Amino acid sequence: MKVIDFTEEELTRKYPKRWEHVRIISNATLQVVDEGVLAVIGPQWCELTEKLSKGGYAPNRKVDMLTSHFEGYKPARLLVYKDELEENINESNHN
């Protein structure tokens, strides 16, 4: 199984800025699974933190962005998997 390629629009879309408060939505349930201050952003994950009342920030917690997306940033990318085994069976049935 593999993830289908991203479109040009998805590759060039804007992401939230560091230190912005974000909410993370699960691709599977479309429910909020986490929220906090965006400390670090990577291609397949991000790290959230919280500002502490006594000053400073809490330790970062990592979020898998292959199974989630940022609320309000469109297009929200739901992962689409392609079953190569099923595709091979369908191709052989058409031959």
Protein backbone atom coordinates (compact mmCIF):
# COMPACT_ATOMS: atom_id res chain seq x y z
CA MET A 1 0.00 0.00 0.00
CA LYS A 2 1.22 3.51 -0.73
CA VAL A 3 0.02 7.06 -0.40
CA ILE A 4 -1.19 8.60 -3.65
CA ASP A 5 0.94 11.56 -4.79
CA PHE A 6 0.16 15.07 -3.51
CA THR A 7 -1.33 17.55 -5.97
CA GLU A 8 0.49 20.79 -6.87
CA GLU A 9 -2.00 22.73 -4.75
CA GLU A 10 -1.23 20.54 -1.72
CA LEU A 11 2.52 20.95 -2.19
CA THR A 12 2.28 24.75 -2.27
CA ARG A 13 -0.39 25.38 0.38
CA LYS A 14 0.35 27.52 3.41
CA TYR A 15 0.86 26.01 6.84
CA PRO A 16 0.40 27.65 10.25
CA LYS A 17 3.32 29.68 11.56
CA ARG A 18 5.45 28.64 14.52
CA TRP A 19 4.14 29.85 17.88
CA GLU A 20 0.58 30.05 16.51
CA HIS A 21 -2.15 28.22 18.46
CA VAL A 22 -3.44 25.31 16.34
CA ARG A 23 -5.97 22.53 16.59
CA ILE A 24 -5.17 19.10 15.12
CA ILE A 25 -7.94 17.12 13.41
CA SER A 26 -7.81 13.32 12.99
CA ASN A 27 -8.15 12.23 9.36
CA ALA A 28 -10.00 9.09 10.49
CA THR A 29 -12.60 10.65 12.80
CA LEU A 30 -12.51 14.34 11.76
CA GLN A 31 -12.47 15.17 15.50
CA VAL A 32 -10.03 17.44 17.33
CA VAL A 33 -7.31 15.17 18.78
CA ASP A 34 -4.92 17.81 20.14
CA GLU A 35 -4.33 21.53 20.32
CA GLY A 36 -1.58 23.81 21.48
CA VAL A 37 1.18 26.18 20.42
CA LEU A 38 3.00 25.03 17.27
CA ALA A 39 6.65 24.73 18.30
CA VAL A 40 8.16 22.71 15.43
CA ILE A 41 6.81 21.70 12.04
CA GLY A 42 8.22 18.97 9.80
CA PRO A 43 7.02 17.32 6.61
CA GLN A 44 5.28 14.40 8.35
CA TRP A 45 4.96 15.55 11.97
CA CYS A 46 4.74 18.60 14.17
CA GLU A 47 5.42 19.32 17.82
CA LEU A 48 3.02 21.20 20.08
CA THR A 49 3.69 22.86 23.42
CA GLU A 50 1.82 24.94 26.00
CA LYS A 51 2.82 28.21 27.65
CA LEU A 52 3.18 27.66 31.40
CA SER A 53 1.59 30.08 33.88
CA LYS A 54 4.90 30.36 35.77
CA GLY A 55 6.72 31.26 32.54
CA GLY A 56 8.37 29.23 29.82
CA TYR A 57 6.88 26.32 27.90
CA ALA A 58 5.94 22.71 28.61
CA PRO A 59 7.93 19.90 26.91
CA ASN A 60 7.01 19.43 23.26
CA ARG A 61 4.70 16.60 22.26
CA LYS A 62 4.96 15.09 18.78
CA VAL A 63 1.91 14.74 16.49
CA ASP A 64 1.82 12.49 13.41
CA MET A 65 0.65 14.67 10.52
CA LEU A 66 0.22 11.69 8.18
CA THR A 67 -2.89 10.79 10.17
CA SER A 68 -3.96 14.36 11.03
CA HIS A 69 -4.28 17.84 9.56
CA PHE A 70 -4.36 21.42 10.84
CA GLU A 71 -7.89 22.72 11.36
CA GLY A 72 -8.71 25.59 9.04
CA TYR A 73 -5.86 25.00 6.59
CA LYS A 74 -7.25 23.75 3.31
CA PRO A 75 -7.33 21.50 1.54
CA ALA A 76 -7.48 19.11 4.47
CA ARG A 77 -5.61 16.07 3.19
CA LEU A 78 -7.22 12.75 3.95
CA LEU A 79 -4.80 9.97 3.21
CA VAL A 80 -5.81 7.74 0.33
CA TYR A 81 -4.27 4.32 0.11
CA LYS A 82 -3.99 2.27 -3.03
CA ASP A 83 -4.02 -1.47 -2.59
CA GLU A 84 -1.49 -2.70 -5.15
CA LEU A 85 -2.51 -6.33 -4.69
CA GLU A 86 -6.14 -5.52 -5.52
CA GLU A 87 -5.00 -3.43 -8.49
CA ASN A 88 -2.93 -6.34 -9.84
CA ILE A 89 -5.91 -8.70 -9.53
CA ASN A 90 -8.18 -6.26 -11.37
CA GLU A 91 -5.61 -5.82 -14.15
CA SER A 92 -5.26 -9.58 -14.65
CA ASN A 93 -9.06 -9.97 -14.83
CA HIS A 94 -9.24 -7.45 -17.66
CA ASN A 95 -6.57 -9.19 -19.77
